[in-house]
Each structure stands twice: as structure tokens, then as C-alpha cells.
Amino acid sequence: MKKITLLLLVLCVTAGFAAAEDEGTGLTAGLEFGIGNISKANDGDTEPYLMPIVIYEKSFLDGAVDLYAEADYTFGFSKVPNDKGEEVNPQSLYLDISVGYNLKLGEESTLSFILENEFDELIISPQYKDGNSLYGIFTPAVKYNREIAIGDLYAQIGAPITYSQYYKNAETLIGLDCTLGWKSVFGLGIEAKICSLLSPSEFSGYTGFEATVSYEKDEIYFEVEAIVPKESDIEGITITPEFDYSFKNFTFYIKSEFAGIGTKGDVVISPALGVKYSF
């Protein structure tokens, strides 16, 4: 498995330098190092990891078609037992592919139709006989964007379909997400999302709320994301601040996730830092 991680990293760097000859290829390669549960909350252990990242983002046909693809490979340094009782390094792959079609409605409005398939986690190691190795979500969505004097206002409705979960024979989950957002002309961004579940019916209803506040000015970008589940006293609120600094084609970032806020347990703190290079 270490060879797989090394191979992915080499491919990222090689592809990046090959694409560097063509300015604006849409390719980004990066590397992130983080430590899960650095606070050792709830008597847990720290979970350091290394994650190479490859992103391709490009618009075609004068902005009518948007394509986004991302692959992250996470290699954990903490040993965990598998089904055979062997101590192995946890490894997983994240894939996200999104295609959007943008329809102009006059000079100031755009209606977008989006299809996204996200392998939120494909577990490479370890694998457990009583669980699935893949967690996958397919989301069709419609987004409306309106340009006004103080920025862009947008609204989006998506229907995430969770077709594979961590345990076997699980029902397919169908949800409904409603998002409202504003991107100002002076760098401030505000986004709010209400999440609900439509199927199965015994669990349907409001499931949570997400909010993101961001600010971007020249080379600096900062955001704070908050996830508030319906049963926040049990699942806990998660808050993640992130700070980015861009220099030429490089982007350096640092972030930290604070999970389990509001529960009777400890707050799980998971910091990370990374660098990305856009070709």
C-alpha cells in the first residue's frame, strides 16, 4: 500500500510538470498533512495522515459547461487492526466528479443544471467483512444565480442520493438540500444550507443546518464552516476555520476541525496544513 501512495504522489507531480507548459490548464496538485484528534479526546489516539491531492477544474464552450474532478488519497500513519487481527495503516481514496451546464437568462441571470458523483470515502485498508468499503453520494442539483450591484445572489436545490453506506444491506437514502448564498463585490461570502431526508420515510424530516462565512482579498482567503445536526447534543456541532495564502501559482493553507461541540464528550481537534500548485 505504501507503493500505491508513492505512485499516486509521483503521478501528481509528473502530470503537473507536464501540464505546466500550457498556461491555464485547470490542473492543481497538492499535498496535505494533518493529525486527527490531536487533542486525544475521549481517550482516543492521534491519527496523523498524509494526503496527495489532484484537482482538475475547467470551463468549456464560453463558460456554458463546467467540469470539476478531484482525487485525494489518504495514508494514515497510525496502525489499526483489520479482520485478520493484523496491524495495518488505514488508507482511503476520495473522488468527486461534477459536471454543470449553465444557461444564460439575460445579461444578469444564470440557471445551472449540475450532476455530481462523490465517492466520499473508498476504504482501501483495512476492510471489514460486515461493512462496505465505499461511501457514495450522487447529487443532481439546480442552481439560480443573479448578479446585482452588491454581488451575486444564488439559490440551489439538490437531491443527494446516498447509494452506498458503511454497513451492508443499508437502504438508499434520498435527501433534499436547499442552499442560499451571497458573494459580495468586496470579498465577503455567506452561504446557508438546510438539509433534510425524504427516504426512508421513518427517518424523514429536517436533519441539519450548514453555514459558511468567507472573505477573500487579493492573496488572502479565510472561511469558517459550521455544521449543526438536528441532534447536536448527541452528534455534536462541527466548526472548521481555514486560512489560505496564495503566492503566484502556490496556495498555502492551514485549517482545523473542531468536532463534537455541545456533547457530553470532549471536543475532537484535528488540524491540517497543506500546499497546492495550479498549472
C-alpha atoms as a PDB file:
ATOM      1  CA  MET A   1       0.000   0.000   0.000  1.00  0.00           C
ATOM      2  CA  LYS A   2       2.935   2.332   0.592  1.00  0.00           C
ATOM      3  CA  LYS A   3       3.900   1.767  -3.051  1.00  0.00           C
ATOM      4  CA  ILE A   4       0.405   2.838  -4.141  1.00  0.00           C
ATOM      5  CA  THR A   5       0.673   6.064  -2.147  1.00  0.00           C
ATOM      6  CA  LEU A   6       4.116   6.806  -3.577  1.00  0.00           C
ATOM      7  CA  LEU A   7       2.908   6.047  -7.103  1.00  0.00           C
ATOM      8  CA  LEU A   8      -0.023   8.458  -6.757  1.00  0.00           C
ATOM      9  CA  LEU A   9       2.273  11.190  -5.486  1.00  0.00           C
ATOM     10  CA  VAL A  10       4.713  10.674  -8.388  1.00  0.00           C
ATOM     11  CA  LEU A  11       1.851  10.753 -10.876  1.00  0.00           C
ATOM     12  CA  CYS A  12       0.573  14.024  -9.356  1.00  0.00           C
ATOM     13  CA  VAL A  13       3.948  15.718  -9.702  1.00  0.00           C
ATOM     14  CA  THR A  14       4.654  14.283 -13.160  1.00  0.00           C
ATOM     15  CA  ALA A  15       1.275  15.295 -14.532  1.00  0.00           C
ATOM     16  CA  GLY A  16       1.680  18.729 -13.055  1.00  0.00           C
ATOM     17  CA  PHE A  17       5.031  19.431 -14.689  1.00  0.00           C
ATOM     18  CA  ALA A  18       3.796  18.053 -17.994  1.00  0.00           C
ATOM     19  CA  ALA A  19       0.848  20.411 -17.894  1.00  0.00           C
ATOM     20  CA  ALA A  20       2.927  23.390 -16.861  1.00  0.00           C
ATOM     21  CA  GLU A  21       3.854  24.047 -20.492  1.00  0.00           C
ATOM     22  CA  ASP A  22       0.253  25.110 -21.163  1.00  0.00           C
ATOM     23  CA  GLU A  23      -0.865  28.090 -19.084  1.00  0.00           C
ATOM     24  CA  GLY A  24      -4.276  27.758 -17.520  1.00  0.00           C
ATOM     25  CA  THR A  25      -4.698  24.008 -17.904  1.00  0.00           C
ATOM     26  CA  GLY A  26      -7.033  23.829 -14.899  1.00  0.00           C
ATOM     27  CA  LEU A  27      -4.846  21.256 -13.148  1.00  0.00           C
ATOM     28  CA  THR A  28      -3.912  21.593  -9.464  1.00  0.00           C
ATOM     29  CA  ALA A  29      -1.662  19.260  -7.472  1.00  0.00           C
ATOM     30  CA  GLY A  30      -1.219  19.413  -3.723  1.00  0.00           C
ATOM     31  CA  LEU A  31      -0.144  17.696  -0.549  1.00  0.00           C
ATOM     32  CA  GLU A  32      -1.747  17.880   2.901  1.00  0.00           C
ATOM     33  CA  PHE A  33      -0.509  16.729   6.279  1.00  0.00           C
ATOM     34  CA  GLY A  34      -2.883  16.530   9.203  1.00  0.00           C
ATOM     35  CA  ILE A  35      -3.395  14.988  12.614  1.00  0.00           C
ATOM     36  CA  GLY A  36      -6.807  13.651  13.534  1.00  0.00           C
ATOM     37  CA  ASN A  37      -7.784  14.002  17.192  1.00  0.00           C
ATOM     38  CA  ILE A  38      -4.617  15.795  18.220  1.00  0.00           C
ATOM     39  CA  SER A  39      -6.411  16.598  21.496  1.00  0.00           C
ATOM     40  CA  LYS A  40      -6.726  12.848  22.257  1.00  0.00           C
ATOM     41  CA  ALA A  41     -10.374  13.442  23.063  1.00  0.00           C
ATOM     42  CA  ASN A  42     -12.432  10.712  24.705  1.00  0.00           C
ATOM     43  CA  ASP A  43      -9.247   8.738  25.475  1.00  0.00           C
ATOM     44  CA  GLY A  44      -8.584   8.268  21.746  1.00  0.00           C
ATOM     45  CA  ASP A  45      -5.277   8.232  19.935  1.00  0.00           C
ATOM     46  CA  THR A  46      -3.912  10.795  17.497  1.00  0.00           C
ATOM     47  CA  GLU A  47      -4.282   9.941  13.808  1.00  0.00           C
ATOM     48  CA  PRO A  48      -1.584  11.562  11.629  1.00  0.00           C
ATOM     49  CA  TYR A  49      -2.023  11.267   7.866  1.00  0.00           C
ATOM     50  CA  LEU A  50      -0.568  12.374   4.536  1.00  0.00           C
ATOM     51  CA  MET A  51      -2.841  13.170   1.593  1.00  0.00           C
ATOM     52  CA  PRO A  52      -1.766  13.889  -2.004  1.00  0.00           C
ATOM     53  CA  ILE A  53      -4.404  15.835  -3.971  1.00  0.00           C
ATOM     54  CA  VAL A  54      -5.130  16.198  -7.692  1.00  0.00           C
ATOM     55  CA  ILE A  55      -7.832  18.611  -8.955  1.00  0.00           C
ATOM     56  CA  TYR A  56      -8.945  19.430 -12.491  1.00  0.00           C
ATOM     57  CA  GLU A  57     -11.321  22.367 -12.944  1.00  0.00           C
ATOM     58  CA  LYS A  58     -12.176  23.891 -16.321  1.00  0.00           C
ATOM     59  CA  SER A  59     -14.960  25.670 -18.197  1.00  0.00           C
ATOM     60  CA  PHE A  60     -15.742  24.962 -21.835  1.00  0.00           C
ATOM     61  CA  LEU A  61     -17.875  26.447 -24.642  1.00  0.00           C
ATOM     62  CA  ASP A  62     -17.532  30.027 -23.391  1.00  0.00           C
ATOM     63  CA  GLY A  63     -18.498  29.085 -19.860  1.00  0.00           C
ATOM     64  CA  ALA A  64     -21.542  27.013 -20.797  1.00  0.00           C
ATOM     65  CA  VAL A  65     -20.081  23.781 -19.395  1.00  0.00           C
ATOM     66  CA  ASP A  66     -18.177  23.410 -16.097  1.00  0.00           C
ATOM     67  CA  LEU A  67     -16.133  20.338 -15.208  1.00  0.00           C
ATOM     68  CA  TYR A  68     -14.669  19.568 -11.788  1.00  0.00           C
ATOM     69  CA  ALA A  69     -12.776  16.430 -10.787  1.00  0.00           C
ATOM     70  CA  GLU A  70     -10.823  15.756  -7.589  1.00  0.00           C
ATOM     71  CA  ALA A  71      -8.923  12.754  -6.239  1.00  0.00           C
ATOM     72  CA  ASP A  72      -7.437  12.590  -2.710  1.00  0.00           C
ATOM     73  CA  TYR A  73      -5.526   9.601  -1.370  1.00  0.00           C
ATOM     74  CA  THR A  74      -5.233   9.464   2.435  1.00  0.00           C
ATOM     75  CA  PHE A  75      -2.475   7.406   4.034  1.00  0.00           C
ATOM     76  CA  GLY A  76      -2.729   7.087   7.819  1.00  0.00           C
ATOM     77  CA  PHE A  77       0.381   6.562   9.941  1.00  0.00           C
ATOM     78  CA  SER A  78      -1.420   5.084  12.962  1.00  0.00           C
ATOM     79  CA  LYS A  79      -1.753   1.305  12.878  1.00  0.00           C
ATOM     80  CA  VAL A  80      -5.257  -0.187  13.172  1.00  0.00           C
ATOM     81  CA  PRO A  81      -6.352  -3.858  13.215  1.00  0.00           C
ATOM     82  CA  ASN A  82      -8.077  -5.469  10.232  1.00  0.00           C
ATOM     83  CA  ASP A  83     -10.353  -8.535  10.145  1.00  0.00           C
ATOM     84  CA  LYS A  84      -7.346 -10.833  10.456  1.00  0.00           C
ATOM     85  CA  GLY A  85      -6.089  -9.052  13.545  1.00  0.00           C
ATOM     86  CA  GLU A  86      -3.124  -7.616  11.664  1.00  0.00           C
ATOM     87  CA  GLU A  87      -1.924  -4.081  12.416  1.00  0.00           C
ATOM     88  CA  VAL A  88      -2.083  -2.097   9.159  1.00  0.00           C
ATOM     89  CA  ASN A  89      -2.054   1.529   8.046  1.00  0.00           C
ATOM     90  CA  PRO A  90      -5.527   2.856   7.162  1.00  0.00           C
ATOM     91  CA  GLN A  91      -5.776   4.086   3.562  1.00  0.00           C
ATOM     92  CA  SER A  92      -8.672   5.546   1.618  1.00  0.00           C
ATOM     93  CA  LEU A  93      -9.468   7.285  -1.655  1.00  0.00           C
ATOM     94  CA  TYR A  94     -11.796  10.264  -2.161  1.00  0.00           C
ATOM     95  CA  LEU A  95     -13.218  11.021  -5.622  1.00  0.00           C
ATOM     96  CA  ASP A  96     -15.503  13.866  -6.659  1.00  0.00           C
ATOM     97  CA  ILE A  97     -16.701  14.445 -10.236  1.00  0.00           C
ATOM     98  CA  SER A  98     -19.126  17.244 -11.118  1.00  0.00           C
ATOM     99  CA  VAL A  99     -20.484  18.442 -14.471  1.00  0.00           C
ATOM    100  CA  GLY A 100     -22.593  21.587 -14.833  1.00  0.00           C
ATOM    101  CA  TYR A 101     -24.432  23.215 -17.724  1.00  0.00           C
ATOM    102  CA  ASN A 102     -25.014  26.966 -17.468  1.00  0.00           C
ATOM    103  CA  LEU A 103     -27.950  28.559 -19.271  1.00  0.00           C
ATOM    104  CA  LYS A 104     -27.873  32.353 -19.519  1.00  0.00           C
ATOM    105  CA  LEU A 105     -31.183  34.053 -18.743  1.00  0.00           C
ATOM    106  CA  GLY A 106     -30.467  37.538 -19.998  1.00  0.00           C
ATOM    107  CA  GLU A 107     -27.401  39.549 -19.032  1.00  0.00           C
ATOM    108  CA  GLU A 108     -27.610  39.126 -15.261  1.00  0.00           C
ATOM    109  CA  SER A 109     -29.085  35.687 -14.511  1.00  0.00           C
ATOM    110  CA  THR A 110     -27.860  32.119 -14.966  1.00  0.00           C
ATOM    111  CA  LEU A 111     -29.644  28.808 -14.471  1.00  0.00           C
ATOM    112  CA  SER A 112     -27.286  25.866 -13.899  1.00  0.00           C
ATOM    113  CA  PHE A 113     -28.003  22.145 -14.056  1.00  0.00           C
ATOM    114  CA  ILE A 114     -25.475  20.112 -12.064  1.00  0.00           C
ATOM    115  CA  LEU A 115     -24.712  16.398 -11.775  1.00  0.00           C
ATOM    116  CA  GLU A 116     -22.220  15.340  -9.107  1.00  0.00           C
ATOM    117  CA  ASN A 117     -20.996  11.921  -8.070  1.00  0.00           C
ATOM    118  CA  GLU A 118     -18.940  11.787  -4.893  1.00  0.00           C
ATOM    119  CA  PHE A 119     -17.122   8.782  -3.510  1.00  0.00           C
ATOM    120  CA  ASP A 120     -16.928  10.331  -0.067  1.00  0.00           C
ATOM    121  CA  GLU A 121     -14.639   7.503   1.007  1.00  0.00           C
ATOM    122  CA  LEU A 122     -13.378   4.374  -0.705  1.00  0.00           C
ATOM    123  CA  ILE A 123     -11.621   2.391   2.009  1.00  0.00           C
ATOM    124  CA  ILE A 124      -8.523   0.629   0.692  1.00  0.00           C
ATOM    125  CA  SER A 125      -7.306  -0.719   4.025  1.00  0.00           C
ATOM    126  CA  PRO A 126      -8.469  -2.123   6.348  1.00  0.00           C
ATOM    127  CA  GLN A 127     -11.593  -3.862   5.020  1.00  0.00           C
ATOM    128  CA  TYR A 128     -14.190  -5.336   7.359  1.00  0.00           C
ATOM    129  CA  LYS A 129     -16.426  -8.248   6.358  1.00  0.00           C
ATOM    130  CA  ASP A 130     -19.524  -6.686   7.951  1.00  0.00           C
ATOM    131  CA  GLY A 131     -19.200  -3.330   6.214  1.00  0.00           C
ATOM    132  CA  ASN A 132     -18.918  -1.727   2.791  1.00  0.00           C
ATOM    133  CA  SER A 133     -15.660  -0.223   1.608  1.00  0.00           C
ATOM    134  CA  LEU A 134     -17.407   2.544  -0.343  1.00  0.00           C
ATOM    135  CA  TYR A 135     -19.487   5.517   0.775  1.00  0.00           C
ATOM    136  CA  GLY A 136     -21.015   7.106  -2.323  1.00  0.00           C
ATOM    137  CA  ILE A 137     -23.363  10.046  -2.952  1.00  0.00           C
ATOM    138  CA  PHE A 138     -24.914  11.082  -6.278  1.00  0.00           C
ATOM    139  CA  THR A 139     -26.441  14.578  -6.356  1.00  0.00           C
ATOM    140  CA  PRO A 140     -28.468  16.191  -9.153  1.00  0.00           C
ATOM    141  CA  ALA A 141     -28.995  19.908  -8.486  1.00  0.00           C
ATOM    142  CA  VAL A 142     -30.393  23.105  -9.986  1.00  0.00           C
ATOM    143  CA  LYS A 143     -28.835  26.489  -9.221  1.00  0.00           C
ATOM    144  CA  TYR A 144     -30.027  30.018  -9.989  1.00  0.00           C
ATOM    145  CA  ASN A 145     -27.559  32.925  -9.895  1.00  0.00           C
ATOM    146  CA  ARG A 146     -28.462  36.609 -10.108  1.00  0.00           C
ATOM    147  CA  GLU A 147     -25.927  39.421 -10.474  1.00  0.00           C
ATOM    148  CA  ILE A 148     -26.792  42.600  -8.591  1.00  0.00           C
ATOM    149  CA  ALA A 149     -24.924  45.763  -7.698  1.00  0.00           C
ATOM    150  CA  ILE A 150     -23.537  44.397  -4.412  1.00  0.00           C
ATOM    151  CA  GLY A 151     -22.522  40.980  -5.763  1.00  0.00           C
ATOM    152  CA  ASP A 152     -24.058  37.646  -6.726  1.00  0.00           C
ATOM    153  CA  LEU A 153     -27.116  36.097  -5.089  1.00  0.00           C
ATOM    154  CA  TYR A 154     -27.740  32.410  -5.667  1.00  0.00           C
ATOM    155  CA  ALA A 155     -30.084  29.628  -4.644  1.00  0.00           C
ATOM    156  CA  GLN A 156     -29.619  25.901  -5.172  1.00  0.00           C
ATOM    157  CA  ILE A 157     -31.772  22.828  -4.669  1.00  0.00           C
ATOM    158  CA  GLY A 158     -30.085  19.435  -4.641  1.00  0.00           C
ATOM    159  CA  ALA A 159     -31.259  15.873  -4.045  1.00  0.00           C
ATOM    160  CA  PRO A 160     -28.342  13.834  -2.626  1.00  0.00           C
ATOM    161  CA  ILE A 161     -28.799  10.080  -3.128  1.00  0.00           C
ATOM    162  CA  THR A 162     -26.621   8.011  -0.797  1.00  0.00           C
ATOM    163  CA  TYR A 163     -26.407   4.722  -2.660  1.00  0.00           C
ATOM    164  CA  SER A 164     -23.680   3.059  -0.620  1.00  0.00           C
ATOM    165  CA  GLN A 165     -23.046   3.310   3.103  1.00  0.00           C
ATOM    166  CA  TYR A 166     -20.637   1.921   5.649  1.00  0.00           C
ATOM    167  CA  TYR A 167     -22.837  -1.029   6.596  1.00  0.00           C
ATOM    168  CA  LYS A 168     -24.154  -3.717   4.258  1.00  0.00           C
ATOM    169  CA  ASN A 169     -27.781  -4.026   3.088  1.00  0.00           C
ATOM    170  CA  ALA A 170     -28.479  -0.403   4.031  1.00  0.00           C
ATOM    171  CA  GLU A 171     -31.401   1.393   2.407  1.00  0.00           C
ATOM    172  CA  THR A 172     -30.697   4.027  -0.206  1.00  0.00           C
ATOM    173  CA  LEU A 173     -31.065   7.479   1.356  1.00  0.00           C
ATOM    174  CA  ILE A 174     -32.671  10.308  -0.625  1.00  0.00           C
ATOM    175  CA  GLY A 175     -32.345  13.812   0.757  1.00  0.00           C
ATOM    176  CA  LEU A 176     -33.143  17.398  -0.149  1.00  0.00           C
ATOM    177  CA  ASP A 177     -30.716  20.289   0.348  1.00  0.00           C
ATOM    178  CA  CYS A 178     -31.747  23.933  -0.035  1.00  0.00           C
ATOM    179  CA  THR A 179     -28.928  26.484  -0.264  1.00  0.00           C
ATOM    180  CA  LEU A 180     -28.936  30.281  -0.280  1.00  0.00           C
ATOM    181  CA  GLY A 181     -25.791  32.321  -0.771  1.00  0.00           C
ATOM    182  CA  TRP A 182     -24.307  35.724  -1.470  1.00  0.00           C
ATOM    183  CA  LYS A 183     -20.872  36.615  -2.878  1.00  0.00           C
ATOM    184  CA  SER A 184     -20.214  40.311  -2.414  1.00  0.00           C
ATOM    185  CA  VAL A 185     -18.166  42.552  -4.685  1.00  0.00           C
ATOM    186  CA  PHE A 186     -15.830  43.352  -1.761  1.00  0.00           C
ATOM    187  CA  GLY A 187     -14.862  39.753  -0.904  1.00  0.00           C
ATOM    188  CA  LEU A 188     -17.403  38.673   1.708  1.00  0.00           C
ATOM    189  CA  GLY A 189     -19.302  35.444   1.124  1.00  0.00           C
ATOM    190  CA  ILE A 190     -22.214  33.976   3.085  1.00  0.00           C
ATOM    191  CA  GLU A 191     -23.860  30.614   2.438  1.00  0.00           C
ATOM    192  CA  ALA A 192     -26.547  28.726   4.373  1.00  0.00           C
ATOM    193  CA  LYS A 193     -27.852  25.223   3.684  1.00  0.00           C
ATOM    194  CA  ILE A 194     -30.814  23.368   5.176  1.00  0.00           C
ATOM    195  CA  CYS A 195     -30.606  19.575   4.916  1.00  0.00           C
ATOM    196  CA  SER A 196     -33.480  17.109   5.121  1.00  0.00           C
ATOM    197  CA  LEU A 197     -34.161  13.442   4.416  1.00  0.00           C
ATOM    198  CA  LEU A 198     -37.044  12.252   2.224  1.00  0.00           C
ATOM    199  CA  SER A 199     -36.490   8.490   2.224  1.00  0.00           C
ATOM    200  CA  PRO A 200     -36.740   6.157   4.060  1.00  0.00           C
ATOM    201  CA  SER A 201     -39.925   7.677   5.486  1.00  0.00           C
ATOM    202  CA  GLU A 202     -39.327   6.599   9.105  1.00  0.00           C
ATOM    203  CA  PHE A 203     -36.290   8.877   9.241  1.00  0.00           C
ATOM    204  CA  SER A 204     -37.579  11.682   7.011  1.00  0.00           C
ATOM    205  CA  GLY A 205     -37.553  15.325   8.019  1.00  0.00           C
ATOM    206  CA  TYR A 206     -35.078  18.039   8.921  1.00  0.00           C
ATOM    207  CA  THR A 207     -31.586  16.650   9.572  1.00  0.00           C
ATOM    208  CA  GLY A 208     -29.324  19.650   9.961  1.00  0.00           C
ATOM    209  CA  PHE A 209     -28.028  23.060   9.010  1.00  0.00           C
ATOM    210  CA  GLU A 210     -24.755  24.188   7.477  1.00  0.00           C
ATOM    211  CA  ALA A 211     -23.333  27.686   7.204  1.00  0.00           C
ATOM    212  CA  THR A 212     -20.148  29.117   5.689  1.00  0.00           C
ATOM    213  CA  VAL A 213     -18.803  32.644   6.049  1.00  0.00           C
ATOM    214  CA  SER A 214     -15.791  33.574   3.922  1.00  0.00           C
ATOM    215  CA  TYR A 215     -13.679  36.571   2.987  1.00  0.00           C
ATOM    216  CA  GLU A 216     -11.297  36.917   0.041  1.00  0.00           C
ATOM    217  CA  LYS A 217      -8.968  39.837  -0.653  1.00  0.00           C
ATOM    218  CA  ASP A 218      -6.046  39.652  -3.074  1.00  0.00           C
ATOM    219  CA  GLU A 219      -3.800  36.785  -1.892  1.00  0.00           C
ATOM    220  CA  ILE A 220      -5.754  36.082   1.313  1.00  0.00           C
ATOM    221  CA  TYR A 221      -8.760  33.826   1.783  1.00  0.00           C
ATOM    222  CA  PHE A 222     -10.444  32.935   5.076  1.00  0.00           C
ATOM    223  CA  GLU A 223     -13.550  30.901   5.851  1.00  0.00           C
ATOM    224  CA  VAL A 224     -15.396  29.377   8.775  1.00  0.00           C
ATOM    225  CA  GLU A 225     -17.759  26.460   8.193  1.00  0.00           C
ATOM    226  CA  ALA A 226     -20.264  25.255  10.791  1.00  0.00           C
ATOM    227  CA  ILE A 227     -22.286  22.024  10.632  1.00  0.00           C
ATOM    228  CA  VAL A 228     -25.175  21.805  13.079  1.00  0.00           C
ATOM    229  CA  PRO A 229     -27.026  18.445  13.017  1.00  0.00           C
ATOM    230  CA  LYS A 230     -30.591  18.137  14.277  1.00  0.00           C
ATOM    231  CA  GLU A 231     -29.449  16.128  17.308  1.00  0.00           C
ATOM    232  CA  SER A 232     -26.491  18.352  18.043  1.00  0.00           C
ATOM    233  CA  ASP A 233     -26.405  17.317  21.715  1.00  0.00           C
ATOM    234  CA  ILE A 234     -25.686  13.751  20.576  1.00  0.00           C
ATOM    235  CA  GLU A 235     -23.753  14.142  17.316  1.00  0.00           C
ATOM    236  CA  GLY A 236     -22.114  17.442  18.170  1.00  0.00           C
ATOM    237  CA  ILE A 237     -21.544  20.644  16.218  1.00  0.00           C
ATOM    238  CA  THR A 238     -18.527  20.814  13.901  1.00  0.00           C
ATOM    239  CA  ILE A 239     -16.720  24.095  13.221  1.00  0.00           C
ATOM    240  CA  THR A 240     -13.839  24.333  10.745  1.00  0.00           C
ATOM    241  CA  PRO A 241     -11.866  27.574  10.222  1.00  0.00           C
ATOM    242  CA  GLU A 242      -9.419  27.757   7.296  1.00  0.00           C
ATOM    243  CA  PHE A 243      -6.849  30.324   6.196  1.00  0.00           C
ATOM    244  CA  ASP A 244      -5.281  30.395   2.701  1.00  0.00           C
ATOM    245  CA  TYR A 245      -2.452  32.464   1.317  1.00  0.00           C
ATOM    246  CA  SER A 246      -1.700  32.483  -2.412  1.00  0.00           C
ATOM    247  CA  PHE A 247       1.655  33.379  -3.910  1.00  0.00           C
ATOM    248  CA  LYS A 248       1.919  33.213  -7.685  1.00  0.00           C
ATOM    249  CA  ASN A 249       0.676  29.695  -8.527  1.00  0.00           C
ATOM    250  CA  PHE A 250       1.069  28.387  -4.984  1.00  0.00           C
ATOM    251  CA  THR A 251      -1.625  28.267  -2.306  1.00  0.00           C
ATOM    252  CA  PHE A 252      -0.623  27.553   1.289  1.00  0.00           C
ATOM    253  CA  TYR A 253      -3.383  26.743   3.759  1.00  0.00           C
ATOM    254  CA  ILE A 254      -3.960  25.800   7.358  1.00  0.00           C
ATOM    255  CA  LYS A 255      -7.221  24.598   8.893  1.00  0.00           C
ATOM    256  CA  SER A 256      -8.532  22.838  11.966  1.00  0.00           C
ATOM    257  CA  GLU A 257     -11.717  20.887  12.586  1.00  0.00           C
ATOM    258  CA  PHE A 258     -13.401  21.140  15.986  1.00  0.00           C
ATOM    259  CA  ALA A 259     -15.917  18.288  16.223  1.00  0.00           C
ATOM    260  CA  GLY A 260     -18.261  17.166  18.973  1.00  0.00           C
ATOM    261  CA  ILE A 261     -19.021  20.643  20.313  1.00  0.00           C
ATOM    262  CA  GLY A 262     -22.073  20.625  22.574  1.00  0.00           C
ATOM    263  CA  THR A 263     -21.956  16.955  23.545  1.00  0.00           C
ATOM    264  CA  LYS A 264     -21.005  15.456  26.900  1.00  0.00           C
ATOM    265  CA  GLY A 265     -17.764  14.177  25.407  1.00  0.00           C
ATOM    266  CA  ASP A 266     -14.549  16.011  24.620  1.00  0.00           C
ATOM    267  CA  VAL A 267     -14.064  18.224  21.577  1.00  0.00           C
ATOM    268  CA  VAL A 268     -12.073  16.439  18.869  1.00  0.00           C
ATOM    269  CA  ILE A 269      -9.476  18.808  17.369  1.00  0.00           C
ATOM    270  CA  SER A 270      -7.969  17.854  14.002  1.00  0.00           C
ATOM    271  CA  PRO A 271      -5.565  20.391  12.442  1.00  0.00           C
ATOM    272  CA  ALA A 272      -4.056  20.185   8.960  1.00  0.00           C
ATOM    273  CA  LEU A 273      -1.789  22.197   6.696  1.00  0.00           C
ATOM    274  CA  GLY A 274      -1.060  21.878   3.019  1.00  0.00           C
ATOM    275  CA  VAL A 275       0.135  23.388  -0.217  1.00  0.00           C
ATOM    276  CA  LYS A 276      -1.317  23.376  -3.725  1.00  0.00           C
ATOM    277  CA  TYR A 277       0.169  24.370  -7.070  1.00  0.00           C
ATOM    278  CA  SER A 278      -2.012  25.373 -10.012  1.00  0.00           C
ATOM    279  CA  PHE A 279      -0.689  24.902 -13.528  1.00  0.00           C
END
